[in-house]
PDB file of N, CA and C in Angstrom:
ATOM      1  N   MET A   1     -50.006  54.048 -46.829  1.00  0.00           N
ATOM      2  CA  MET A   1     -48.638  53.627 -47.116  1.00  0.00           C
ATOM      3  C   MET A   1     -48.687  52.311 -47.886  1.00  0.00           C
ATOM      4  N   SER A   2     -47.983  52.261 -48.991  1.00  0.00           N
ATOM      5  CA  SER A   2     -47.999  51.044 -49.790  1.00  0.00           C
ATOM      6  C   SER A   2     -46.801  50.165 -49.444  1.00  0.00           C
ATOM      7  N   VAL A   3     -46.964  48.893 -49.713  1.00  0.00           N
ATOM      8  CA  VAL A   3     -45.885  47.946 -49.478  1.00  0.00           C
ATOM      9  C   VAL A   3     -45.147  47.768 -50.795  1.00  0.00           C
ATOM     10  N   GLN A   4     -43.817  47.900 -50.752  1.00  0.00           N
ATOM     11  CA  GLN A   4     -43.015  47.759 -51.957  1.00  0.00           C
ATOM     12  C   GLN A   4     -42.075  46.577 -51.796  1.00  0.00           C
ATOM     13  N   PRO A   5     -41.789  45.909 -52.895  1.00  0.00           N
ATOM     14  CA  PRO A   5     -40.809  44.823 -52.817  1.00  0.00           C
ATOM     15  C   PRO A   5     -39.477  45.354 -52.309  1.00  0.00           C
ATOM     16  N   LYS A   6     -38.765  44.520 -51.562  1.00  0.00           N
ATOM     17  CA  LYS A   6     -37.489  44.942 -50.987  1.00  0.00           C
ATOM     18  C   LYS A   6     -36.527  45.448 -52.055  1.00  0.00           C
ATOM     19  N   LYS A   7     -36.487  44.771 -53.176  1.00  0.00           N
ATOM     20  CA  LYS A   7     -35.585  45.170 -54.249  1.00  0.00           C
ATOM     21  C   LYS A   7     -35.857  46.610 -54.673  1.00  0.00           C
ATOM     22  N   GLU A   8     -37.129  46.978 -54.713  1.00  0.00           N
ATOM     23  CA  GLU A   8     -37.492  48.329 -55.120  1.00  0.00           C
ATOM     24  C   GLU A   8     -36.967  49.358 -54.116  1.00  0.00           C
ATOM     25  N   ASN A   9     -37.069  49.071 -52.849  1.00  0.00           N
ATOM     26  CA  ASN A   9     -36.535  49.981 -51.824  1.00  0.00           C
ATOM     27  C   ASN A   9     -35.018  50.104 -51.952  1.00  0.00           C
ATOM     28  N   LEU A  10     -34.357  49.017 -52.266  1.00  0.00           N
ATOM     29  CA  LEU A  10     -32.909  49.043 -52.435  1.00  0.00           C
ATOM     30  C   LEU A  10     -32.534  49.894 -53.650  1.00  0.00           C
ATOM     31  N   ARG A  11     -33.257  49.735 -54.735  1.00  0.00           N
ATOM     32  CA  ARG A  11     -33.000  50.553 -55.935  1.00  0.00           C
ATOM     33  C   ARG A  11     -33.217  52.037 -55.628  1.00  0.00           C
ATOM     34  N   LYS A  12     -34.269  52.339 -54.903  1.00  0.00           N
ATOM     35  CA  LYS A  12     -34.538  53.732 -54.534  1.00  0.00           C
ATOM     36  C   LYS A  12     -33.423  54.272 -53.644  1.00  0.00           C
ATOM     37  N   ALA A  13     -32.912  53.446 -52.747  1.00  0.00           N
ATOM     38  CA  ALA A  13     -31.830  53.867 -51.858  1.00  0.00           C
ATOM     39  C   ALA A  13     -30.570  54.185 -52.661  1.00  0.00           C
ATOM     40  N   VAL A  14     -30.253  53.352 -53.632  1.00  0.00           N
ATOM     41  CA  VAL A  14     -29.072  53.592 -54.475  1.00  0.00           C
ATOM     42  C   VAL A  14     -29.234  54.902 -55.234  1.00  0.00           C
ATOM     43  N   LYS A  15     -30.416  55.116 -55.785  1.00  0.00           N
ATOM     44  CA  LYS A  15     -30.686  56.362 -56.518  1.00  0.00           C
ATOM     45  C   LYS A  15     -30.584  57.561 -55.575  1.00  0.00           C
ATOM     46  N   TRP A  16     -31.163  57.439 -54.396  1.00  0.00           N
ATOM     47  CA  TRP A  16     -31.141  58.518 -53.413  1.00  0.00           C
ATOM     48  C   TRP A  16     -29.701  58.853 -53.014  1.00  0.00           C
ATOM     49  N   ILE A  17     -28.885  57.838 -52.791  1.00  0.00           N
ATOM     50  CA  ILE A  17     -27.484  58.061 -52.428  1.00  0.00           C
ATOM     51  C   ILE A  17     -26.765  58.814 -53.544  1.00  0.00           C
ATOM     52  N   GLY A  18     -26.984  58.398 -54.785  1.00  0.00           N
ATOM     53  CA  GLY A  18     -26.348  59.080 -55.911  1.00  0.00           C
ATOM     54  C   GLY A  18     -26.736  60.546 -55.986  1.00  0.00           C
ATOM     55  N   GLU A  19     -28.012  60.831 -55.803  1.00  0.00           N
ATOM     56  CA  GLU A  19     -28.488  62.217 -55.843  1.00  0.00           C
ATOM     57  C   GLU A  19     -27.953  63.022 -54.660  1.00  0.00           C
ATOM     58  N   THR A  20     -27.939  62.409 -53.494  1.00  0.00           N
ATOM     59  CA  THR A  20     -27.482  63.098 -52.293  1.00  0.00           C
ATOM     60  C   THR A  20     -25.990  63.424 -52.390  1.00  0.00           C
ATOM     61  N   LYS A  21     -25.204  62.517 -52.973  1.00  0.00           N
ATOM     62  CA  LYS A  21     -23.768  62.760 -53.127  1.00  0.00           C
ATOM     63  C   LYS A  21     -23.504  63.993 -53.991  1.00  0.00           C
ATOM     64  N   LYS A  22     -24.373  64.248 -54.962  1.00  0.00           N
ATOM     65  CA  LYS A  22     -24.202  65.420 -55.829  1.00  0.00           C
ATOM     66  C   LYS A  22     -24.384  66.714 -55.047  1.00  0.00           C
ATOM     67  N   PHE A  23     -25.386  66.735 -54.173  1.00  0.00           N
ATOM     68  CA  PHE A  23     -25.729  67.957 -53.461  1.00  0.00           C
ATOM     69  C   PHE A  23     -25.038  68.101 -52.113  1.00  0.00           C
ATOM     70  N   GLU A  24     -24.542  66.999 -51.580  1.00  0.00           N
ATOM     71  CA  GLU A  24     -23.840  67.016 -50.299  1.00  0.00           C
ATOM     72  C   GLU A  24     -22.565  66.174 -50.418  1.00  0.00           C
ATOM     73  N   PRO A  25     -21.600  66.645 -51.215  1.00  0.00           N
ATOM     74  CA  PRO A  25     -20.404  65.841 -51.484  1.00  0.00           C
ATOM     75  C   PRO A  25     -19.533  65.547 -50.263  1.00  0.00           C
ATOM     76  N   GLY A  26     -19.694  66.303 -49.204  1.00  0.00           N
ATOM     77  CA  GLY A  26     -18.892  66.073 -47.999  1.00  0.00           C
ATOM     78  C   GLY A  26     -19.396  64.953 -47.113  1.00  0.00           C
ATOM     79  N   LYS A  27     -20.584  64.439 -47.419  1.00  0.00           N
ATOM     80  CA  LYS A  27     -21.168  63.371 -46.600  1.00  0.00           C
ATOM     81  C   LYS A  27     -20.439  62.057 -46.858  1.00  0.00           C
ATOM     82  N   THR A  28     -20.093  61.369 -45.801  1.00  0.00           N
ATOM     83  CA  THR A  28     -19.379  60.100 -45.942  1.00  0.00           C
ATOM     84  C   THR A  28     -20.314  58.999 -46.426  1.00  0.00           C
ATOM     85  N   ASN A  29     -19.719  57.964 -47.015  1.00  0.00           N
ATOM     86  CA  ASN A  29     -20.519  56.812 -47.442  1.00  0.00           C
ATOM     87  C   ASN A  29     -21.240  56.183 -46.258  1.00  0.00           C
ATOM     88  N   GLN A  30     -20.572  56.139 -45.112  1.00  0.00           N
ATOM     89  CA  GLN A  30     -21.200  55.547 -43.931  1.00  0.00           C
ATOM     90  C   GLN A  30     -22.467  56.313 -43.554  1.00  0.00           C
ATOM     91  N   LYS A  31     -22.381  57.635 -43.539  1.00  0.00           N
ATOM     92  CA  LYS A  31     -23.540  58.452 -43.184  1.00  0.00           C
ATOM     93  C   LYS A  31     -24.648  58.290 -44.223  1.00  0.00           C
ATOM     94  N   LEU A  32     -24.284  58.255 -45.489  1.00  0.00           N
ATOM     95  CA  LEU A  32     -25.271  58.069 -46.559  1.00  0.00           C
ATOM     96  C   LEU A  32     -26.000  56.729 -46.413  1.00  0.00           C
ATOM     97  N   VAL A  33     -25.243  55.674 -46.150  1.00  0.00           N
ATOM     98  CA  VAL A  33     -25.845  54.353 -46.012  1.00  0.00           C
ATOM     99  C   VAL A  33     -26.743  54.299 -44.779  1.00  0.00           C
ATOM    100  N   GLU A  34     -26.294  54.877 -43.682  1.00  0.00           N
ATOM    101  CA  GLU A  34     -27.114  54.889 -42.460  1.00  0.00           C
ATOM    102  C   GLU A  34     -28.444  55.608 -42.710  1.00  0.00           C
ATOM    103  N   GLU A  35     -28.381  56.765 -43.362  1.00  0.00           N
ATOM    104  CA  GLU A  35     -29.603  57.518 -43.649  1.00  0.00           C
ATOM    105  C   GLU A  35     -30.504  56.764 -44.623  1.00  0.00           C
ATOM    106  N   ALA A  36     -29.910  56.153 -45.641  1.00  0.00           N
ATOM    107  CA  ALA A  36     -30.695  55.397 -46.616  1.00  0.00           C
ATOM    108  C   ALA A  36     -31.373  54.201 -45.953  1.00  0.00           C
ATOM    109  N   ALA A  37     -30.658  53.524 -45.059  1.00  0.00           N
ATOM    110  CA  ALA A  37     -31.219  52.356 -44.380  1.00  0.00           C
ATOM    111  C   ALA A  37     -32.464  52.739 -43.581  1.00  0.00           C
ATOM    112  N   LEU A  38     -32.402  53.877 -42.917  1.00  0.00           N
ATOM    113  CA  LEU A  38     -33.558  54.334 -42.138  1.00  0.00           C
ATOM    114  C   LEU A  38     -34.675  54.843 -43.045  1.00  0.00           C
ATOM    115  N   THR A  39     -34.321  55.615 -44.048  1.00  0.00           N
ATOM    116  CA  THR A  39     -35.313  56.213 -44.945  1.00  0.00           C
ATOM    117  C   THR A  39     -36.089  55.156 -45.719  1.00  0.00           C
ATOM    118  N   PHE A  40     -35.381  54.120 -46.186  1.00  0.00           N
ATOM    119  CA  PHE A  40     -36.006  53.122 -47.050  1.00  0.00           C
ATOM    120  C   PHE A  40     -36.276  51.799 -46.342  1.00  0.00           C
ATOM    121  N   ASN A  41     -36.118  51.787 -45.013  1.00  0.00           N
ATOM    122  CA  ASN A  41     -36.429  50.605 -44.210  1.00  0.00           C
ATOM    123  C   ASN A  41     -35.713  49.357 -44.739  1.00  0.00           C
ATOM    124  N   LEU A  42     -34.407  49.463 -44.874  1.00  0.00           N
ATOM    125  CA  LEU A  42     -33.619  48.376 -45.440  1.00  0.00           C
ATOM    126  C   LEU A  42     -33.207  47.365 -44.376  1.00  0.00           C
ATOM    127  N   SER A  43     -33.081  46.140 -44.798  1.00  0.00           N
ATOM    128  CA  SER A  43     -32.627  45.068 -43.905  1.00  0.00           C
ATOM    129  C   SER A  43     -31.112  45.192 -43.713  1.00  0.00           C
ATOM    130  N   PRO A  44     -30.574  44.501 -42.713  1.00  0.00           N
ATOM    131  CA  PRO A  44     -29.118  44.520 -42.528  1.00  0.00           C
ATOM    132  C   PRO A  44     -28.365  44.030 -43.767  1.00  0.00           C
ATOM    133  N   SER A  45     -28.882  43.023 -44.452  1.00  0.00           N
ATOM    134  CA  SER A  45     -28.189  42.536 -45.651  1.00  0.00           C
ATOM    135  C   SER A  45     -28.253  43.561 -46.782  1.00  0.00           C
ATOM    136  N   ASP A  46     -29.358  44.294 -46.895  1.00  0.00           N
ATOM    137  CA  ASP A  46     -29.444  45.356 -47.892  1.00  0.00           C
ATOM    138  C   ASP A  46     -28.478  46.484 -47.559  1.00  0.00           C
ATOM    139  N   THR A  47     -28.351  46.789 -46.279  1.00  0.00           N
ATOM    140  CA  THR A  47     -27.426  47.823 -45.835  1.00  0.00           C
ATOM    141  C   THR A  47     -25.997  47.416 -46.167  1.00  0.00           C
ATOM    142  N   GLU A  48     -25.653  46.178 -45.913  1.00  0.00           N
ATOM    143  CA  GLU A  48     -24.316  45.677 -46.247  1.00  0.00           C
ATOM    144  C   GLU A  48     -24.089  45.736 -47.754  1.00  0.00           C
ATOM    145  N   PHE A  49     -25.121  45.419 -48.525  1.00  0.00           N
ATOM    146  CA  PHE A  49     -25.019  45.515 -49.972  1.00  0.00           C
ATOM    147  C   PHE A  49     -24.658  46.947 -50.388  1.00  0.00           C
ATOM    148  N   LEU A  50     -25.291  47.937 -49.778  1.00  0.00           N
ATOM    149  CA  LEU A  50     -25.000  49.330 -50.121  1.00  0.00           C
ATOM    150  C   LEU A  50     -23.538  49.667 -49.857  1.00  0.00           C
ATOM    151  N   TYR A  51     -23.002  49.205 -48.740  1.00  0.00           N
ATOM    152  CA  TYR A  51     -21.583  49.445 -48.460  1.00  0.00           C
ATOM    153  C   TYR A  51     -20.715  48.821 -49.559  1.00  0.00           C
ATOM    154  N   ARG A  52     -21.019  47.587 -49.934  1.00  0.00           N
ATOM    155  CA  ARG A  52     -20.250  46.917 -50.996  1.00  0.00           C
ATOM    156  C   ARG A  52     -20.425  47.631 -52.331  1.00  0.00           C
ATOM    157  N   PHE A  53     -21.640  48.061 -52.624  1.00  0.00           N
ATOM    158  CA  PHE A  53     -21.940  48.767 -53.867  1.00  0.00           C
ATOM    159  C   PHE A  53     -21.112  50.050 -53.961  1.00  0.00           C
ATOM    160  N   LEU A  54     -21.036  50.790 -52.872  1.00  0.00           N
ATOM    161  CA  LEU A  54     -20.289  52.036 -52.875  1.00  0.00           C
ATOM    162  C   LEU A  54     -18.778  51.816 -52.984  1.00  0.00           C
ATOM    163  N   ARG A  55     -18.320  50.660 -52.559  1.00  0.00           N
ATOM    164  CA  ARG A  55     -16.897  50.317 -52.713  1.00  0.00           C
ATOM    165  C   ARG A  55     -16.616  49.728 -54.089  1.00  0.00           C
ATOM    166  N   GLY A  56     -17.667  49.530 -54.900  1.00  0.00           N
ATOM    167  CA  GLY A  56     -17.486  48.974 -56.238  1.00  0.00           C
ATOM    168  C   GLY A  56     -17.400  47.461 -56.263  1.00  0.00           C
ATOM    169  N   GLU A  57     -17.848  46.815 -55.195  1.00  0.00           N
ATOM    170  CA  GLU A  57     -17.760  45.366 -55.078  1.00  0.00           C
ATOM    171  C   GLU A  57     -19.072  44.655 -55.403  1.00  0.00           C
ATOM    172  N   ALA A  58     -20.116  45.418 -55.726  1.00  0.00           N
ATOM    173  CA  ALA A  58     -21.417  44.796 -56.011  1.00  0.00           C
ATOM    174  C   ALA A  58     -22.130  45.623 -57.079  1.00  0.00           C
ATOM    175  N   GLU A  59     -23.050  44.967 -57.795  1.00  0.00           N
ATOM    176  CA  GLU A  59     -23.846  45.649 -58.821  1.00  0.00           C
ATOM    177  C   GLU A  59     -25.304  45.317 -58.613  1.00  0.00           C
ATOM    178  N   LEU A  60     -26.163  46.266 -58.971  1.00  0.00           N
ATOM    179  CA  LEU A  60     -27.603  45.995 -58.969  1.00  0.00           C
ATOM    180  C   LEU A  60     -27.936  45.189 -60.204  1.00  0.00           C
ATOM    181  N   ASP A  61     -28.873  44.284 -60.086  1.00  0.00           N
ATOM    182  CA  ASP A  61     -29.305  43.486 -61.252  1.00  0.00           C
ATOM    183  C   ASP A  61     -30.082  44.323 -62.232  1.00  0.00           C
TER     184      ASP A  61
END
């Protein structure tokens, strides 16, 4: 298992959420963020960022 920078895991989570929304449109943002947080080992602040990102209140650099 390799160690990845946190930013990279966050970018992967955003991409994963976008792809998952296409194939599972009925899944709520909350469920998507919860699954992404576990899958990509995100910190609480990264998880909060995802919620803001999905509401359109944040952007990835």
